[in-house]
Structures are given as C-alpha cells and as structure tokens.
Amino acid sequence: MKKIVLAVMTTVVLAATALPAFANVSVRGYTRKDGTYVAPHIRTSPNGTCADNFSGCR
C-alpha cells in the first residue's frame, strides 16, 4: 500500500513540475531590419492550433 501511495505521489509531483516548463519561451533581444531594437522577453509557447494566435499559423 505504501508503495502505491509513494508511486502516485511521485507521479503527481513530476507531472506538476513538468507542465510549467512548457508554458513560456524566452525570446532573445534582436534588431529588426528597420534598425529598431526589440528587448528580450518571455512569450507563451505555440500550441499547435490555428484557432488562436499562439500557434504562428498563417
């Protein structure tokens, strides 16, 4: 019984810590063609659907 509880708790902790790792993406600073500098920032990661603006679909 203790092994089952330990396995469930371990799974829950690992799943909870893995989800936030994929939520955001760091973007390095860069200079645009027109000379404007874009500062480094954090954005949400693409989610693979064209139904919203998070996927980069055209």
C-alpha atoms as a PDB file:
ATOM      1  CA  MET A   1       0.000   0.000   0.000  1.00  0.00           C
ATOM      2  CA  LYS A   2       2.821   2.382   0.877  1.00  0.00           C
ATOM      3  CA  LYS A   3       4.475   1.695  -2.478  1.00  0.00           C
ATOM      4  CA  ILE A   4       1.286   2.575  -4.356  1.00  0.00           C
ATOM      5  CA  VAL A   5       0.849   5.821  -2.435  1.00  0.00           C
ATOM      6  CA  LEU A   6       4.511   6.696  -2.999  1.00  0.00           C
ATOM      7  CA  ALA A   7       4.199   5.963  -6.724  1.00  0.00           C
ATOM      8  CA  VAL A   8       1.069   8.118  -7.051  1.00  0.00           C
ATOM      9  CA  MET A   9       2.634  10.988  -5.104  1.00  0.00           C
ATOM     10  CA  THR A  10       5.786  10.819  -7.232  1.00  0.00           C
ATOM     11  CA  THR A  11       3.745  10.861 -10.426  1.00  0.00           C
ATOM     12  CA  VAL A  12       1.705  13.845  -9.268  1.00  0.00           C
ATOM     13  CA  VAL A  13       4.803  15.832  -8.277  1.00  0.00           C
ATOM     14  CA  LEU A  14       6.601  15.070 -11.554  1.00  0.00           C
ATOM     15  CA  ALA A  15       3.556  15.980 -13.638  1.00  0.00           C
ATOM     16  CA  ALA A  16       3.028  19.233 -11.737  1.00  0.00           C
ATOM     17  CA  THR A  17       6.639  20.311 -12.189  1.00  0.00           C
ATOM     18  CA  ALA A  18       6.802  19.378 -15.881  1.00  0.00           C
ATOM     19  CA  LEU A  19       3.770  21.401 -17.020  1.00  0.00           C
ATOM     20  CA  PRO A  20       5.093  24.919 -16.288  1.00  0.00           C
ATOM     21  CA  ALA A  21       8.318  24.117 -18.139  1.00  0.00           C
ATOM     22  CA  PHE A  22       6.465  24.196 -21.468  1.00  0.00           C
ATOM     23  CA  ALA A  23       4.269  27.209 -20.782  1.00  0.00           C
ATOM     24  CA  ASN A  24       6.707  30.009 -21.680  1.00  0.00           C
ATOM     25  CA  VAL A  25       9.518  30.592 -24.161  1.00  0.00           C
ATOM     26  CA  SER A  26      12.360  33.076 -23.699  1.00  0.00           C
ATOM     27  CA  VAL A  27      12.994  35.275 -26.731  1.00  0.00           C
ATOM     28  CA  ARG A  28      16.427  36.853 -27.144  1.00  0.00           C
ATOM     29  CA  GLY A  29      16.747  40.517 -27.991  1.00  0.00           C
ATOM     30  CA  TYR A  30      17.231  41.315 -31.669  1.00  0.00           C
ATOM     31  CA  THR A  31      17.434  44.203 -34.139  1.00  0.00           C
ATOM     32  CA  ARG A  32      14.770  44.497 -36.831  1.00  0.00           C
ATOM     33  CA  LYS A  33      15.519  45.322 -40.460  1.00  0.00           C
ATOM     34  CA  ASP A  34      14.495  48.939 -39.866  1.00  0.00           C
ATOM     35  CA  GLY A  35      17.049  49.282 -37.018  1.00  0.00           C
ATOM     36  CA  THR A  36      14.581  49.038 -34.123  1.00  0.00           C
ATOM     37  CA  TYR A  37      15.871  47.011 -31.175  1.00  0.00           C
ATOM     38  CA  VAL A  38      13.455  44.528 -29.604  1.00  0.00           C
ATOM     39  CA  ALA A  39      14.310  43.800 -25.973  1.00  0.00           C
ATOM     40  CA  PRO A  40      14.446  40.216 -24.665  1.00  0.00           C
ATOM     41  CA  HIS A  41      11.090  38.988 -23.405  1.00  0.00           C
ATOM     42  CA  ILE A  42       9.032  35.924 -22.481  1.00  0.00           C
ATOM     43  CA  ARG A  43       6.140  34.712 -24.645  1.00  0.00           C
ATOM     44  CA  THR A  44       3.764  31.785 -24.473  1.00  0.00           C
ATOM     45  CA  SER A  45       4.805  28.708 -26.386  1.00  0.00           C
ATOM     46  CA  PRO A  46       2.961  27.714 -29.572  1.00  0.00           C
ATOM     47  CA  ASN A  47       0.075  25.312 -29.003  1.00  0.00           C
ATOM     48  CA  GLY A  48      -0.322  23.828 -32.484  1.00  0.00           C
ATOM     49  CA  THR A  49      -3.801  25.114 -33.367  1.00  0.00           C
ATOM     50  CA  CYS A  50      -4.763  27.789 -35.873  1.00  0.00           C
ATOM     51  CA  ALA A  51      -7.847  28.791 -33.851  1.00  0.00           C
ATOM     52  CA  ASP A  52      -5.914  31.353 -31.781  1.00  0.00           C
ATOM     53  CA  ASN A  53      -2.810  33.494 -32.001  1.00  0.00           C
ATOM     54  CA  PHE A  54      -0.462  31.164 -30.124  1.00  0.00           C
ATOM     55  CA  SER A  55       0.447  28.807 -32.960  1.00  0.00           C
ATOM     56  CA  GLY A  56       2.010  31.028 -35.617  1.00  0.00           C
ATOM     57  CA  CYS A  57      -0.272  29.694 -38.378  1.00  0.00           C
ATOM     58  CA  ARG A  58      -0.723  31.788 -41.494  1.00  0.00           C
END
